[in-house]
Amino acid sequence: MAKQQLPLMPKTGSGVLTKLIGTVAVLALVVVIVRHPGDAAAWAKGMGGVITGIVDGVAAFFRQLAG
């Protein structure tokens, strides 16, 4: 029996539009880093803090769940 794709999930593929959007996003990121390195560093540091907070929260949840 053949596998069927879920009806609500978008098909994955390497279409031209997907590649174009990815290329534009990467170029925009490079431009921001080159033109505003201080701001880019602050944004990266802020995102690092958010990610650290999420990981700490998940770890605390599992510690509470186990204890």
PDB file of N, CA and C in Angstrom:
ATOM      1  N   MET A   1       0.848  -1.172   0.000  1.00  0.00           N
ATOM      2  CA  MET A   1       0.000   0.000   0.000  1.00  0.00           C
ATOM      3  C   MET A   1       0.897   1.239   0.000  1.00  0.00           C
ATOM      4  N   ALA A   2       0.575   2.198  -0.808  1.00  0.00           N
ATOM      5  CA  ALA A   2       1.379   3.412  -0.936  1.00  0.00           C
ATOM      6  C   ALA A   2       1.101   4.363   0.219  1.00  0.00           C
ATOM      7  N   LYS A   3       2.132   5.072   0.617  1.00  0.00           N
ATOM      8  CA  LYS A   3       1.972   6.079   1.663  1.00  0.00           C
ATOM      9  C   LYS A   3       1.221   7.269   1.094  1.00  0.00           C
ATOM     10  N   GLN A   4       0.341   7.830   1.885  1.00  0.00           N
ATOM     11  CA  GLN A   4      -0.400   9.014   1.467  1.00  0.00           C
ATOM     12  C   GLN A   4       0.050  10.197   2.313  1.00  0.00           C
ATOM     13  N   GLN A   5       0.169  11.335   1.671  1.00  0.00           N
ATOM     14  CA  GLN A   5       0.559  12.536   2.392  1.00  0.00           C
ATOM     15  C   GLN A   5      -0.644  13.072   3.165  1.00  0.00           C
ATOM     16  N   LEU A   6      -0.370  13.646   4.322  1.00  0.00           N
ATOM     17  CA  LEU A   6      -1.442  14.242   5.109  1.00  0.00           C
ATOM     18  C   LEU A   6      -2.090  15.359   4.300  1.00  0.00           C
ATOM     19  N   PRO A   7      -3.404  15.468   4.336  1.00  0.00           N
ATOM     20  CA  PRO A   7      -4.075  16.450   3.479  1.00  0.00           C
ATOM     21  C   PRO A   7      -3.788  17.902   3.837  1.00  0.00           C
ATOM     22  N   LEU A   8      -3.484  18.212   5.095  1.00  0.00           N
ATOM     23  CA  LEU A   8      -3.286  19.600   5.497  1.00  0.00           C
ATOM     24  C   LEU A   8      -1.829  20.033   5.469  1.00  0.00           C
ATOM     25  N   MET A   9      -0.926  19.103   5.267  1.00  0.00           N
ATOM     26  CA  MET A   9       0.492  19.431   5.269  1.00  0.00           C
ATOM     27  C   MET A   9       0.917  19.872   3.877  1.00  0.00           C
ATOM     28  N   PRO A  10       1.673  20.959   3.782  1.00  0.00           N
ATOM     29  CA  PRO A  10       2.147  21.385   2.459  1.00  0.00           C
ATOM     30  C   PRO A  10       3.186  20.414   1.924  1.00  0.00           C
ATOM     31  N   LYS A  11       3.213  20.263   0.624  1.00  0.00           N
ATOM     32  CA  LYS A  11       4.196  19.384   0.011  1.00  0.00           C
ATOM     33  C   LYS A  11       5.572  20.047   0.093  1.00  0.00           C
ATOM     34  N   THR A  12       6.555  19.234   0.425  1.00  0.00           N
ATOM     35  CA  THR A  12       7.913  19.770   0.467  1.00  0.00           C
ATOM     36  C   THR A  12       8.528  19.612  -0.912  1.00  0.00           C
ATOM     37  N   GLY A  13       9.356  20.536  -1.263  1.00  0.00           N
ATOM     38  CA  GLY A  13       9.988  20.465  -2.564  1.00  0.00           C
ATOM     39  C   GLY A  13      10.997  21.580  -2.715  1.00  0.00           C
ATOM     40  N   SER A  14      11.640  21.572  -3.831  1.00  0.00           N
ATOM     41  CA  SER A  14      12.645  22.597  -4.076  1.00  0.00           C
ATOM     42  C   SER A  14      12.193  23.446  -5.252  1.00  0.00           C
ATOM     43  N   GLY A  15      11.075  24.108  -5.071  1.00  0.00           N
ATOM     44  CA  GLY A  15      10.550  24.958  -6.122  1.00  0.00           C
ATOM     45  C   GLY A  15      11.355  26.233  -6.278  1.00  0.00           C
ATOM     46  N   VAL A  16      11.143  26.886  -7.391  1.00  0.00           N
ATOM     47  CA  VAL A  16      11.871  28.120  -7.686  1.00  0.00           C
ATOM     48  C   VAL A  16      11.519  29.201  -6.672  1.00  0.00           C
ATOM     49  N   LEU A  17      10.251  29.313  -6.313  1.00  0.00           N
ATOM     50  CA  LEU A  17       9.824  30.340  -5.359  1.00  0.00           C
ATOM     51  C   LEU A  17      10.463  30.117  -3.988  1.00  0.00           C
ATOM     52  N   THR A  18      10.530  28.874  -3.553  1.00  0.00           N
ATOM     53  CA  THR A  18      11.142  28.567  -2.261  1.00  0.00           C
ATOM     54  C   THR A  18      12.617  28.952  -2.257  1.00  0.00           C
ATOM     55  N   LYS A  19      13.318  28.624  -3.334  1.00  0.00           N
ATOM     56  CA  LYS A  19      14.739  28.983  -3.423  1.00  0.00           C
ATOM     57  C   LYS A  19      14.919  30.494  -3.490  1.00  0.00           C
ATOM     58  N   LEU A  20      14.038  31.167  -4.198  1.00  0.00           N
ATOM     59  CA  LEU A  20      14.130  32.625  -4.319  1.00  0.00           C
ATOM     60  C   LEU A  20      13.921  33.300  -2.967  1.00  0.00           C
ATOM     61  N   ILE A  21      12.915  32.863  -2.220  1.00  0.00           N
ATOM     62  CA  ILE A  21      12.636  33.444  -0.904  1.00  0.00           C
ATOM     63  C   ILE A  21      13.806  33.183   0.047  1.00  0.00           C
ATOM     64  N   GLY A  22      14.366  31.976   0.019  1.00  0.00           N
ATOM     65  CA  GLY A  22      15.512  31.659   0.867  1.00  0.00           C
ATOM     66  C   GLY A  22      16.733  32.497   0.527  1.00  0.00           C
ATOM     67  N   THR A  23      16.967  32.682  -0.770  1.00  0.00           N
ATOM     68  CA  THR A  23      18.108  33.494  -1.207  1.00  0.00           C
ATOM     69  C   THR A  23      17.943  34.946  -0.784  1.00  0.00           C
ATOM     70  N   VAL A  24      16.740  35.484  -0.941  1.00  0.00           N
ATOM     71  CA  VAL A  24      16.487  36.873  -0.544  1.00  0.00           C
ATOM     72  C   VAL A  24      16.659  37.034   0.966  1.00  0.00           C
ATOM     73  N   ALA A  25      16.193  36.064   1.743  1.00  0.00           N
ATOM     74  CA  ALA A  25      16.331  36.143   3.196  1.00  0.00           C
ATOM     75  C   ALA A  25      17.801  36.116   3.619  1.00  0.00           C
ATOM     76  N   VAL A  26      18.587  35.254   2.998  1.00  0.00           N
ATOM     77  CA  VAL A  26      20.007  35.176   3.340  1.00  0.00           C
ATOM     78  C   VAL A  26      20.723  36.466   2.941  1.00  0.00           C
ATOM     79  N   LEU A  27      20.412  36.991   1.762  1.00  0.00           N
ATOM     80  CA  LEU A  27      21.032  38.248   1.328  1.00  0.00           C
ATOM     81  C   LEU A  27      20.660  39.401   2.259  1.00  0.00           C
ATOM     82  N   ALA A  28      19.406  39.447   2.699  1.00  0.00           N
ATOM     83  CA  ALA A  28      18.991  40.504   3.624  1.00  0.00           C
ATOM     84  C   ALA A  28      19.751  40.397   4.944  1.00  0.00           C
ATOM     85  N   LEU A  29      19.942  39.179   5.416  1.00  0.00           N
ATOM     86  CA  LEU A  29      20.693  38.971   6.661  1.00  0.00           C
ATOM     87  C   LEU A  29      22.135  39.428   6.503  1.00  0.00           C
ATOM     88  N   VAL A  30      22.758  39.101   5.383  1.00  0.00           N
ATOM     89  CA  VAL A  30      24.135  39.512   5.133  1.00  0.00           C
ATOM     90  C   VAL A  30      24.240  41.041   5.069  1.00  0.00           C
ATOM     91  N   VAL A  31      23.273  41.684   4.403  1.00  0.00           N
ATOM     92  CA  VAL A  31      23.288  43.144   4.300  1.00  0.00           C
ATOM     93  C   VAL A  31      23.171  43.779   5.681  1.00  0.00           C
ATOM     94  N   VAL A  32      22.282  43.259   6.516  1.00  0.00           N
ATOM     95  CA  VAL A  32      22.120  43.809   7.867  1.00  0.00           C
ATOM     96  C   VAL A  32      23.416  43.643   8.660  1.00  0.00           C
ATOM     97  N   ILE A  33      24.045  42.480   8.545  1.00  0.00           N
ATOM     98  CA  ILE A  33      25.285  42.239   9.296  1.00  0.00           C
ATOM     99  C   ILE A  33      26.398  43.159   8.819  1.00  0.00           C
ATOM    100  N   VAL A  34      26.495  43.372   7.504  1.00  0.00           N
ATOM    101  CA  VAL A  34      27.580  44.196   6.972  1.00  0.00           C
ATOM    102  C   VAL A  34      27.345  45.680   7.244  1.00  0.00           C
ATOM    103  N   ARG A  35      26.126  46.136   7.068  1.00  0.00           N
ATOM    104  CA  ARG A  35      25.850  47.569   7.218  1.00  0.00           C
ATOM    105  C   ARG A  35      25.669  48.005   8.668  1.00  0.00           C
ATOM    106  N   HIS A  36      25.169  47.117   9.517  1.00  0.00           N
ATOM    107  CA  HIS A  36      24.894  47.464  10.923  1.00  0.00           C
ATOM    108  C   HIS A  36      25.406  46.349  11.841  1.00  0.00           C
ATOM    109  N   PRO A  37      26.707  46.162  11.933  1.00  0.00           N
ATOM    110  CA  PRO A  37      27.226  45.041  12.724  1.00  0.00           C
ATOM    111  C   PRO A  37      26.913  45.141  14.215  1.00  0.00           C
ATOM    112  N   GLY A  38      26.879  46.341  14.756  1.00  0.00           N
ATOM    113  CA  GLY A  38      26.567  46.495  16.178  1.00  0.00           C
ATOM    114  C   GLY A  38      25.138  46.088  16.494  1.00  0.00           C
ATOM    115  N   ASP A  39      24.211  46.542  15.654  1.00  0.00           N
ATOM    116  CA  ASP A  39      22.808  46.162  15.845  1.00  0.00           C
ATOM    117  C   ASP A  39      22.616  44.658  15.657  1.00  0.00           C
ATOM    118  N   ALA A  40      23.277  44.087  14.639  1.00  0.00           N
ATOM    119  CA  ALA A  40      23.168  42.652  14.396  1.00  0.00           C
ATOM    120  C   ALA A  40      23.688  41.854  15.587  1.00  0.00           C
ATOM    121  N   ALA A  41      24.780  42.317  16.183  1.00  0.00           N
ATOM    122  CA  ALA A  41      25.329  41.632  17.357  1.00  0.00           C
ATOM    123  C   ALA A  41      24.365  41.718  18.539  1.00  0.00           C
ATOM    124  N   ALA A  42      23.745  42.878  18.712  1.00  0.00           N
ATOM    125  CA  ALA A  42      22.784  43.036  19.807  1.00  0.00           C
ATOM    126  C   ALA A  42      21.572  42.131  19.598  1.00  0.00           C
ATOM    127  N   TRP A  43      21.103  42.037  18.359  1.00  0.00           N
ATOM    128  CA  TRP A  43      19.956  41.155  18.065  1.00  0.00           C
ATOM    129  C   TRP A  43      20.321  39.698  18.318  1.00  0.00           C
ATOM    130  N   ALA A  44      21.523  39.291  17.900  1.00  0.00           N
ATOM    131  CA  ALA A  44      21.961  37.909  18.108  1.00  0.00           C
ATOM    132  C   ALA A  44      22.088  37.611  19.600  1.00  0.00           C
ATOM    133  N   LYS A  45      22.617  38.575  20.343  1.00  0.00           N
ATOM    134  CA  LYS A  45      22.753  38.394  21.797  1.00  0.00           C
ATOM    135  C   LYS A  45      21.379  38.284  22.449  1.00  0.00           C
ATOM    136  N   GLY A  46      20.435  39.095  21.983  1.00  0.00           N
ATOM    137  CA  GLY A  46      19.074  39.030  22.506  1.00  0.00           C
ATOM    138  C   GLY A  46      18.403  37.703  22.203  1.00  0.00           C
ATOM    139  N   MET A  47      18.595  37.210  20.979  1.00  0.00           N
ATOM    140  CA  MET A  47      18.013  35.904  20.623  1.00  0.00           C
ATOM    141  C   MET A  47      18.651  34.790  21.441  1.00  0.00           C
ATOM    142  N   GLY A  48      19.958  34.915  21.701  1.00  0.00           N
ATOM    143  CA  GLY A  48      20.624  33.934  22.547  1.00  0.00           C
ATOM    144  C   GLY A  48      20.039  33.908  23.946  1.00  0.00           C
ATOM    145  N   GLY A  49      19.719  35.095  24.465  1.00  0.00           N
ATOM    146  CA  GLY A  49      19.092  35.170  25.788  1.00  0.00           C
ATOM    147  C   GLY A  49      17.710  34.531  25.801  1.00  0.00           C
ATOM    148  N   VAL A  50      16.954  34.741  24.745  1.00  0.00           N
ATOM    149  CA  VAL A  50      15.618  34.132  24.648  1.00  0.00           C
ATOM    150  C   VAL A  50      15.732  32.615  24.595  1.00  0.00           C
ATOM    151  N   ILE A  51      16.653  32.117  23.773  1.00  0.00           N
ATOM    152  CA  ILE A  51      16.835  30.670  23.649  1.00  0.00           C
ATOM    153  C   ILE A  51      17.298  30.072  24.968  1.00  0.00           C
ATOM    154  N   THR A  52      18.207  30.756  25.651  1.00  0.00           N
ATOM    155  CA  THR A  52      18.668  30.291  26.961  1.00  0.00           C
ATOM    156  C   THR A  52      17.511  30.243  27.953  1.00  0.00           C
ATOM    157  N   GLY A  53      16.656  31.253  27.919  1.00  0.00           N
ATOM    158  CA  GLY A  53      15.496  31.269  28.808  1.00  0.00           C
ATOM    159  C   GLY A  53      14.538  30.125  28.530  1.00  0.00           C
ATOM    160  N   ILE A  54      14.346  29.814  27.258  1.00  0.00           N
ATOM    161  CA  ILE A  54      13.455  28.707  26.897  1.00  0.00           C
ATOM    162  C   ILE A  54      14.023  27.382  27.391  1.00  0.00           C
ATOM    163  N   VAL A  55      15.327  27.165  27.161  1.00  0.00           N
ATOM    164  CA  VAL A  55      15.963  25.919  27.597  1.00  0.00           C
ATOM    165  C   VAL A  55      15.906  25.803  29.116  1.00  0.00           C
ATOM    166  N   ASP A  56      16.172  26.883  29.830  1.00  0.00           N
ATOM    167  CA  ASP A  56      16.096  26.858  31.299  1.00  0.00           C
ATOM    168  C   ASP A  56      14.674  26.547  31.764  1.00  0.00           C
ATOM    169  N   GLY A  57      13.684  27.125  31.102  1.00  0.00           N
ATOM    170  CA  GLY A  57      12.295  26.866  31.470  1.00  0.00           C
ATOM    171  C   GLY A  57      11.890  25.421  31.255  1.00  0.00           C
ATOM    172  N   VAL A  58      12.300  24.845  30.130  1.00  0.00           N
ATOM    173  CA  VAL A  58      11.982  23.438  29.853  1.00  0.00           C
ATOM    174  C   VAL A  58      12.683  22.537  30.862  1.00  0.00           C
ATOM    175  N   ALA A  59      13.938  22.835  31.176  1.00  0.00           N
ATOM    176  CA  ALA A  59      14.671  22.030  32.159  1.00  0.00           C
ATOM    177  C   ALA A  59      14.010  22.120  33.537  1.00  0.00           C
ATOM    178  N   ALA A  60      13.583  23.309  33.926  1.00  0.00           N
ATOM    179  CA  ALA A  60      12.904  23.469  35.219  1.00  0.00           C
ATOM    180  C   ALA A  60      11.587  22.692  35.231  1.00  0.00           C
ATOM    181  N   PHE A  61      10.876  22.693  34.125  1.00  0.00           N
ATOM    182  CA  PHE A  61       9.625  21.941  34.040  1.00  0.00           C
ATOM    183  C   PHE A  61       9.868  20.456  34.268  1.00  0.00           C
ATOM    184  N   PHE A  62      10.886  19.903  33.602  1.00  0.00           N
ATOM    185  CA  PHE A  62      11.157  18.474  33.760  1.00  0.00           C
ATOM    186  C   PHE A  62      11.676  18.152  35.149  1.00  0.00           C
ATOM    187  N   ARG A  63      12.439  19.077  35.759  1.00  0.00           N
ATOM    188  CA  ARG A  63      12.867  18.846  37.144  1.00  0.00           C
ATOM    189  C   ARG A  63      11.667  18.817  38.079  1.00  0.00           C
ATOM    190  N   GLN A  64      10.716  19.718  37.868  1.00  0.00           N
ATOM    191  CA  GLN A  64       9.509  19.750  38.703  1.00  0.00           C
ATOM    192  C   GLN A  64       8.669  18.494  38.466  1.00  0.00           C
ATOM    193  N   LEU A  65       8.625  18.057  37.230  1.00  0.00           N
ATOM    194  CA  LEU A  65       7.841  16.883  36.881  1.00  0.00           C
ATOM    195  C   LEU A  65       8.432  15.633  37.513  1.00  0.00           C
ATOM    196  N   ALA A  66       9.759  15.523  37.558  1.00  0.00           N
ATOM    197  CA  ALA A  66      10.419  14.364  38.116  1.00  0.00           C
ATOM    198  C   ALA A  66      10.422  14.383  39.640  1.00  0.00           C
ATOM    199  N   GLY A  67      10.417  15.573  40.203  1.00  0.00           N
ATOM    200  CA  GLY A  67      10.547  15.671  41.661  1.00  0.00           C
ATOM    201  C   GLY A  67       9.264  15.861  42.270  1.00  0.00           C
TER     202      GLY A  67
END
